[in-house]
């Protein structure tokens, strides 16, 4: 970024952006009461979840765990169940680790300075800046992907926003123009503009933009060429065969190892590769009298950060539960209330719920 011209542009956007935000800002539960804890929980949820999708999760989480103390002392399975469907379960585990440190070191109140916040598990520069500025009015930038896109377009910068150096330069530039007494509003206004108007992928709403008159990318007709970002490495494709095993009014669940992908989570039993019907039948050879039926499942796909699961599978009805050493057999009530199932398997839940409900209703 060319420092003098960029600083001038950034300074000129402050007032029109704040005026726009006052009129157009969405009404969101965490904005209505920007308590540090509420801001923190919302920011962690929003890292990989759309705002509208996050709202019910936020309300449910806050109702169950209204403060740092409650989060710090929550049972892990209850905590994971509250997070079910949001994915990236390491984030909620880090939330609890951080909450325990806040109880030990800060008397249950999140610190107000960026440096202390960043020492807590799961809190990086952006989240620290958001909490500090929105909840405490601390003059700190909160630069996420939305903000990087807005600033790149405003200044017509062709620097690579995936570069840490470029991100740090933008953070420093924004820090210099943060409006006194309104840093939280300004940071949220920038994020809101990126989320609602200065959109990626061919849909930028330039005619609605409050800073269009000073936007260099709009002036030059290059809005959709920016920002410049290095392509991500392609994900590894992993075929998986999912087995939904029913016995009576229960379904089999398996617990993953304590380390690695989906660490410690409950899952539907699954195997590497795309197994054929014959290969799956062979798994039950020793107990073939136990196998009542076997049906092919619809395919499903789930994307993790660096891995993409392509899932096929089968539902099997068994006369008696098997594999008690490796599997637990859950009722519909337990599945809903007790055992969190990762979002990778969410597409199979309607089938499971329907089957268990019917068998439960038909039970003598």
Protein backbone atom coordinates (compact mmCIF):
# COMPACT_ATOMS: atom_id res chain seq x y z
CA UNK A 1 0.00 0.00 0.00
CA UNK A 2 1.26 3.50 -0.88
CA UNK A 3 1.18 5.06 2.53
CA UNK A 4 0.27 8.73 1.94
CA UNK A 5 -2.45 8.26 -0.70
CA UNK A 6 -3.86 5.21 1.08
CA UNK A 7 -4.03 7.00 4.43
CA UNK A 8 -5.90 9.87 2.79
CA UNK A 9 -8.42 7.48 1.22
CA UNK A 10 -8.90 5.58 4.46
CA UNK A 11 -9.42 8.83 6.38
CA UNK A 12 -12.04 9.98 3.88
CA UNK A 13 -14.10 6.81 4.25
CA UNK A 14 -14.57 7.07 8.03
CA UNK A 15 -17.54 9.45 8.26
CA UNK A 16 -19.62 8.17 5.32
CA UNK A 17 -19.04 4.60 6.47
CA UNK A 18 -20.17 5.36 10.04
CA UNK A 19 -23.23 7.24 8.77
CA UNK A 20 -24.15 4.29 6.56
CA UNK A 21 -23.66 1.85 9.43
CA UNK A 22 -25.96 3.86 11.71
CA UNK A 23 -28.76 3.50 9.15
CA UNK A 24 -28.08 0.07 7.64
CA UNK A 25 -26.51 -2.10 10.36
CA UNK A 26 -28.25 -5.40 10.87
CA UNK A 27 -29.89 -6.00 14.23
CA UNK A 28 -27.92 -8.89 15.71
CA UNK A 29 -28.16 -10.37 19.22
CA UNK A 30 -24.49 -9.83 20.03
CA UNK A 31 -24.68 -6.19 18.91
CA UNK A 32 -27.65 -5.40 21.12
CA UNK A 33 -25.56 -6.21 24.20
CA UNK A 34 -21.84 -6.09 23.28
CA UNK A 35 -20.64 -7.68 26.50
CA UNK A 36 -17.10 -9.08 26.08
CA UNK A 37 -18.26 -12.68 26.56
CA UNK A 38 -21.07 -12.31 24.01
CA UNK A 39 -18.77 -10.68 21.45
CA UNK A 40 -16.20 -13.43 21.94
CA UNK A 41 -18.68 -16.29 21.50
CA UNK A 42 -20.23 -14.66 18.42
CA UNK A 43 -16.87 -14.05 16.75
CA UNK A 44 -15.75 -17.64 17.23
CA UNK A 45 -19.06 -18.92 15.84
CA UNK A 46 -18.91 -16.59 12.85
CA UNK A 47 -15.46 -17.73 11.75
CA UNK A 48 -16.98 -20.47 9.58
CA UNK A 49 -20.73 -19.83 9.81
CA UNK A 50 -23.07 -17.35 8.12
CA UNK A 51 -24.70 -14.78 10.40
CA UNK A 52 -28.26 -16.02 9.94
CA UNK A 53 -27.22 -19.62 10.57
CA UNK A 54 -25.25 -18.63 13.68
CA UNK A 55 -28.11 -16.77 15.42
CA UNK A 56 -29.96 -19.80 16.86
CA UNK A 57 -26.69 -21.42 17.90
CA UNK A 58 -25.65 -18.22 19.68
CA UNK A 59 -28.94 -17.96 21.57
CA UNK A 60 -28.86 -21.63 22.56
CA UNK A 61 -25.22 -21.43 23.68
CA UNK A 62 -25.78 -18.27 25.75
CA UNK A 63 -28.90 -19.69 27.37
CA UNK A 64 -27.00 -22.78 28.46
CA UNK A 65 -23.67 -21.09 29.26
CA UNK A 66 -24.36 -17.41 30.02
CA UNK A 67 -20.90 -16.45 31.25
CA UNK A 68 -17.23 -17.38 31.41
CA UNK A 69 -17.64 -19.33 34.64
CA UNK A 70 -20.40 -21.52 33.17
CA UNK A 71 -18.33 -22.19 30.04
CA UNK A 72 -15.23 -23.06 32.08
CA UNK A 73 -17.09 -25.63 34.18
CA UNK A 74 -19.26 -27.18 31.43
CA UNK A 75 -19.18 -30.93 30.84
CA UNK A 76 -17.33 -31.63 27.57
CA UNK A 77 -20.08 -33.72 25.97
CA UNK A 78 -22.69 -31.06 26.79
CA UNK A 79 -20.39 -28.42 25.35
CA UNK A 80 -19.86 -30.35 22.13
CA UNK A 81 -23.59 -30.99 21.86
CA UNK A 82 -24.23 -27.23 22.04
CA UNK A 83 -21.74 -26.78 19.19
CA UNK A 84 -23.19 -29.62 17.10
CA UNK A 85 -23.69 -28.50 13.51
CA UNK A 86 -21.20 -25.63 13.65
CA UNK A 87 -18.22 -27.87 12.85
CA UNK A 88 -14.57 -27.17 13.68
CA UNK A 89 -14.94 -28.59 17.19
CA UNK A 90 -11.40 -27.58 18.14
CA UNK A 91 -12.81 -24.06 18.35
CA UNK A 92 -15.27 -24.83 21.11
CA UNK A 93 -12.62 -26.82 22.95
CA UNK A 94 -10.33 -23.79 22.75
CA UNK A 95 -13.20 -21.64 24.01
CA UNK A 96 -13.35 -23.74 27.15
CA UNK A 97 -9.57 -23.78 27.59
CA UNK A 98 -9.55 -19.99 27.28
CA UNK A 99 -12.48 -19.65 29.70
CA UNK A 100 -10.60 -21.64 32.32
CA UNK A 101 -7.55 -19.41 31.91
CA UNK A 102 -9.74 -16.31 32.18
CA UNK A 103 -11.15 -17.67 35.45
CA UNK A 104 -7.67 -18.42 36.79
CA UNK A 105 -5.84 -15.31 35.60
CA UNK A 106 -8.45 -12.56 35.16
CA UNK A 107 -11.15 -13.32 37.70
CA UNK A 108 -13.66 -14.39 35.06
CA UNK A 109 -13.50 -11.19 32.98
CA UNK A 110 -11.91 -11.16 29.53
CA UNK A 111 -8.95 -8.77 29.33
CA UNK A 112 -9.40 -5.56 27.31
CA UNK A 113 -6.01 -5.39 25.61
CA UNK A 114 -5.14 -7.18 22.39
CA UNK A 115 -1.87 -8.66 23.62
CA UNK A 116 -3.49 -10.42 26.59
CA UNK A 117 -6.42 -11.62 24.50
CA UNK A 118 -4.10 -13.17 21.93
CA UNK A 119 -2.45 -15.26 24.64
CA UNK A 120 -5.73 -17.12 25.12
CA UNK A 121 -6.32 -20.34 23.12
CA UNK A 122 -8.20 -19.82 19.88
CA UNK A 123 -7.94 -16.02 19.83
CA UNK A 124 -5.91 -14.60 16.96
CA UNK A 125 -5.28 -10.97 15.91
CA UNK A 126 -8.68 -10.47 14.29
CA UNK A 127 -10.74 -11.93 17.16
CA UNK A 128 -8.65 -10.05 19.73
CA UNK A 129 -9.19 -6.80 17.83
CA UNK A 130 -12.93 -7.42 17.57
CA UNK A 131 -13.36 -8.16 21.29
CA UNK A 132 -11.12 -5.29 22.41
CA UNK A 133 -12.69 -2.68 20.12
CA UNK A 134 -16.37 -3.70 20.20
CA UNK A 135 -16.65 -4.63 23.88
CA UNK A 136 -14.14 -2.23 25.42
CA UNK A 137 -13.59 0.57 22.89
CA UNK A 138 -9.89 -0.26 22.76
CA UNK A 139 -8.31 1.37 19.65
CA UNK A 140 -7.47 -1.86 17.82
CA UNK A 141 -8.17 -2.96 14.23
CA UNK A 142 -10.23 -6.07 13.44
CA UNK A 143 -9.15 -7.18 9.99
CA UNK A 144 -10.90 -10.21 8.53
CA UNK A 145 -11.43 -11.31 4.93
CA UNK A 146 -14.26 -8.82 4.46
CA UNK A 147 -12.09 -5.93 5.56
CA UNK A 148 -9.14 -7.04 3.43
CA UNK A 149 -11.43 -7.07 0.40
CA UNK A 150 -12.90 -3.62 1.14
CA UNK A 151 -9.50 -1.98 1.64
CA UNK A 152 -7.99 -3.68 -1.40
CA UNK A 153 -10.80 -2.34 -3.58
CA UNK A 154 -10.91 1.10 -2.00
CA UNK A 155 -7.19 1.58 -2.70
CA UNK A 156 -7.09 -0.57 -5.88
CA UNK A 157 -4.28 -2.54 -4.25
CA UNK A 158 -2.96 -5.53 -6.17
CA UNK A 159 -0.95 -6.84 -3.25
CA UNK A 160 -1.64 -10.42 -2.23
CA UNK A 161 -3.99 -10.37 0.79
CA UNK A 162 -2.94 -13.91 1.75
CA UNK A 163 0.46 -12.44 2.58
CA UNK A 164 0.88 -11.89 6.32
CA UNK A 165 2.99 -8.81 5.58
CA UNK A 166 0.19 -7.23 3.53
CA UNK A 167 -2.36 -8.01 6.26
CA UNK A 168 -0.13 -6.42 8.89
CA UNK A 169 0.29 -3.32 6.69
CA UNK A 170 -3.48 -2.99 6.38
CA UNK A 171 -3.92 -3.42 10.13
CA UNK A 172 -1.38 -0.67 10.75
CA UNK A 173 -3.04 1.63 8.21
CA UNK A 174 -6.49 1.13 9.75
CA UNK A 175 -5.12 1.67 13.25
CA UNK A 176 -4.02 5.18 12.23
CA UNK A 177 -7.52 6.26 11.20
CA UNK A 178 -9.65 4.62 13.91
CA UNK A 179 -12.18 7.26 15.04
CA UNK A 180 -11.83 8.17 18.69
CA UNK A 181 -14.72 6.90 20.79
CA UNK A 182 -16.20 4.87 17.91
CA UNK A 183 -13.63 2.20 17.15
CA UNK A 184 -16.09 -0.65 17.73
CA UNK A 185 -18.68 0.87 15.43
CA UNK A 186 -16.06 1.59 12.78
CA UNK A 187 -14.65 -1.95 12.82
CA UNK A 188 -18.15 -3.39 12.61
CA UNK A 189 -19.03 -0.97 9.81
CA UNK A 190 -16.07 -2.15 7.75
CA UNK A 191 -16.99 -5.79 8.33
CA UNK A 192 -20.65 -5.06 7.57
CA UNK A 193 -19.76 -3.35 4.30
CA UNK A 194 -17.76 -6.39 3.21
CA UNK A 195 -20.49 -8.78 4.29
CA UNK A 196 -23.46 -6.92 2.78
CA UNK A 197 -22.23 -4.70 -0.08
CA UNK A 198 -18.61 -5.18 -1.13
CA UNK A 199 -19.20 -8.85 -1.86
CA UNK A 200 -16.89 -11.33 -3.60
CA UNK A 201 -17.48 -13.50 -6.64
CA UNK A 202 -19.22 -11.27 -9.13
CA UNK A 203 -21.94 -9.78 -6.92
CA UNK A 204 -20.49 -6.57 -5.45
CA UNK A 205 -23.33 -4.06 -4.90
CA UNK A 206 -21.36 -0.94 -5.83
CA UNK A 207 -24.50 1.17 -6.37
CA UNK A 208 -25.35 0.72 -2.67
CA UNK A 209 -21.84 1.46 -1.39
CA UNK A 210 -21.43 4.55 0.84
CA UNK A 211 -17.78 4.97 -0.21
CA UNK A 212 -18.20 4.36 -3.92
CA UNK A 213 -17.32 7.99 -4.71
CA UNK A 214 -13.77 7.51 -3.40
CA UNK A 215 -13.26 3.85 -4.38
CA UNK A 216 -10.31 3.49 -6.75
CA UNK A 217 -11.35 0.03 -7.94
CA UNK A 218 -14.81 1.33 -8.88
CA UNK A 219 -13.25 4.35 -10.61
CA UNK A 220 -10.92 2.09 -12.61
CA UNK A 221 -13.57 -0.57 -13.34
CA UNK A 222 -11.56 -3.34 -11.68
CA UNK A 223 -13.74 -4.16 -8.65
CA UNK A 224 -14.10 -7.83 -9.51
CA UNK A 225 -10.39 -8.23 -10.21
CA UNK A 226 -9.67 -7.49 -6.56
CA UNK A 227 -8.55 -8.52 -4.08
CA UNK A 228 -5.55 -10.49 -5.30
CA UNK A 229 -5.21 -13.73 -3.38
CA UNK A 230 -2.93 -16.72 -3.87
CA UNK A 231 -4.91 -19.88 -4.69
CA UNK A 232 -5.25 -22.41 -1.89
CA UNK A 233 -3.69 -25.82 -2.22
CA UNK A 234 -6.25 -28.35 -3.48
CA UNK A 235 -7.88 -30.45 -0.78
CA UNK A 236 -7.12 -34.14 -0.44
CA UNK A 237 -10.10 -36.24 -1.54
CA UNK A 238 -10.88 -39.13 0.80
CA UNK A 239 -13.58 -41.69 -0.11
CA UNK A 240 -15.35 -43.02 3.02
CA UNK A 241 -17.97 -45.72 3.46
CA UNK A 242 -20.50 -44.87 6.17
CA UNK A 243 -22.38 -47.63 7.97
CA UNK A 244 -25.64 -46.77 9.70
CA UNK A 245 -26.28 -49.77 11.94
CA UNK A 246 -29.71 -50.16 13.52
CA UNK A 247 -30.76 -52.67 16.15
CA UNK A 248 -34.20 -52.33 17.66
CA UNK A 249 -34.67 -48.66 18.59
CA UNK A 250 -30.96 -47.89 18.69
CA UNK A 251 -28.22 -46.80 16.28
CA UNK A 252 -24.51 -47.55 16.55
CA UNK A 253 -22.03 -44.76 17.28
CA UNK A 254 -18.25 -44.90 17.42
CA UNK A 255 -15.91 -42.55 19.26
CA UNK A 256 -12.98 -41.16 17.29
CA UNK A 257 -9.42 -41.07 18.71
CA UNK A 258 -8.50 -38.22 21.05
CA UNK A 259 -6.13 -36.72 18.48
CA UNK A 260 -6.45 -35.86 14.81
CA UNK A 261 -9.49 -35.00 12.71
CA UNK A 262 -12.72 -34.69 14.77
CA UNK A 263 -10.76 -35.67 17.86
CA UNK A 264 -12.86 -37.37 20.53
CA UNK A 265 -16.13 -36.89 18.64
CA UNK A 266 -18.89 -39.45 18.24
CA UNK A 267 -19.44 -40.55 14.65
CA UNK A 268 -21.31 -43.04 12.54
CA UNK A 269 -19.06 -46.06 11.96
CA UNK A 270 -17.17 -45.56 8.72
CA UNK A 271 -14.31 -47.09 6.78
CA UNK A 272 -11.75 -45.70 4.33
CA UNK A 273 -12.50 -46.20 0.65
CA UNK A 274 -15.71 -46.72 -1.30
CA UNK A 275 -16.74 -50.27 -0.38
CA UNK A 276 -19.07 -52.25 -2.60
CA UNK A 277 -22.19 -54.01 -1.34
CA UNK A 278 -20.34 -57.33 -1.53
CA UNK A 279 -17.46 -55.97 0.57
CA UNK A 280 -19.86 -54.66 3.19
CA UNK A 281 -21.77 -57.93 3.28
CA UNK A 282 -18.44 -59.68 3.88
CA UNK A 283 -18.02 -57.62 7.07
CA UNK A 284 -21.10 -59.38 8.45
CA UNK A 285 -20.17 -62.88 7.25
CA UNK A 286 -19.54 -64.22 10.71
CA UNK A 287 -22.88 -62.85 11.86
CA UNK A 288 -24.90 -63.16 8.68
CA UNK A 289 -27.88 -64.55 10.58
CA UNK A 290 -27.84 -61.26 12.49
CA UNK A 291 -28.15 -59.16 9.33
CA UNK A 292 -31.82 -58.47 8.57
CA UNK A 293 -31.47 -55.95 5.73
CA UNK A 294 -28.92 -53.82 3.93
CA UNK A 295 -29.79 -50.69 1.94
CA UNK A 296 -27.62 -48.32 -0.09
CA UNK A 297 -27.38 -44.75 1.19
CA UNK A 298 -27.32 -41.62 -0.93
CA UNK A 299 -23.85 -40.19 -1.42
CA UNK A 300 -22.75 -37.16 0.60
CA UNK A 301 -19.80 -34.82 0.69
CA UNK A 302 -18.20 -32.89 3.53
CA UNK A 303 -15.41 -30.36 3.30
CA UNK A 304 -12.87 -29.93 6.08
CA UNK A 305 -10.06 -27.37 5.92
CA UNK A 306 -7.65 -29.53 3.92
CA UNK A 307 -9.61 -32.74 3.35
CA UNK A 308 -12.80 -33.51 1.47
CA UNK A 309 -14.79 -36.60 2.35
CA UNK A 310 -16.75 -38.22 -0.47
CA UNK A 311 -19.11 -40.52 1.37
CA UNK A 312 -21.09 -43.51 0.18
CA UNK A 313 -22.55 -46.11 2.47
CA UNK A 314 -25.20 -48.52 3.67
CA UNK A 315 -27.82 -48.77 6.36
CA UNK A 316 -28.03 -52.19 8.00
CA UNK A 317 -30.70 -53.55 10.30
CA UNK A 318 -29.39 -56.09 12.80
CA UNK A 319 -31.27 -58.46 15.07
CA UNK A 320 -28.81 -57.89 17.92
CA UNK A 321 -26.27 -55.11 18.65
CA UNK A 322 -22.67 -55.94 17.77
CA UNK A 323 -19.22 -54.60 18.60
CA UNK A 324 -19.98 -53.51 22.14
CA UNK A 325 -16.28 -53.00 22.77
CA UNK A 326 -15.97 -50.44 19.98
CA UNK A 327 -19.53 -49.18 19.54
CA UNK A 328 -22.22 -47.72 21.74
CA UNK A 329 -25.89 -48.09 20.82
CA UNK A 330 -27.88 -44.89 21.27
CA UNK A 331 -31.61 -44.29 21.43
CA UNK A 332 -33.19 -41.37 19.59
CA UNK A 333 -33.41 -39.41 22.84
CA UNK A 334 -29.72 -40.00 23.59
CA UNK A 335 -28.74 -39.05 20.06
CA UNK A 336 -30.64 -35.76 20.34
CA UNK A 337 -29.57 -34.83 23.85
CA UNK A 338 -26.35 -36.60 24.74
CA UNK A 339 -24.16 -37.53 21.80
CA UNK A 340 -22.89 -34.73 19.53
CA UNK A 341 -22.58 -35.86 15.93
CA UNK A 342 -20.19 -33.90 13.68
CA UNK A 343 -21.71 -31.95 10.79
CA UNK A 344 -19.96 -34.34 8.40
CA UNK A 345 -22.78 -36.80 9.17
CA UNK A 346 -25.68 -34.34 9.37
CA UNK A 347 -27.10 -35.36 5.99
CA UNK A 348 -27.80 -38.83 7.43
CA UNK A 349 -29.61 -37.60 10.54
CA UNK A 350 -33.14 -37.34 9.03
CA UNK A 351 -32.98 -41.00 7.97
CA UNK A 352 -31.75 -42.04 11.43
CA UNK A 353 -34.35 -39.95 13.25
CA UNK A 354 -37.19 -41.30 11.09
CA UNK A 355 -36.13 -44.93 11.55
CA UNK A 356 -35.64 -44.68 15.32
CA UNK A 357 -38.89 -42.82 15.81
CA UNK A 358 -40.85 -45.42 13.87
CA UNK A 359 -39.25 -48.39 15.64
CA UNK A 360 -39.74 -46.70 18.99
CA UNK A 361 -43.42 -46.10 18.24
CA UNK A 362 -43.88 -49.70 17.08
CA UNK A 363 -42.06 -51.23 20.02
CA UNK A 364 -44.29 -53.46 22.18
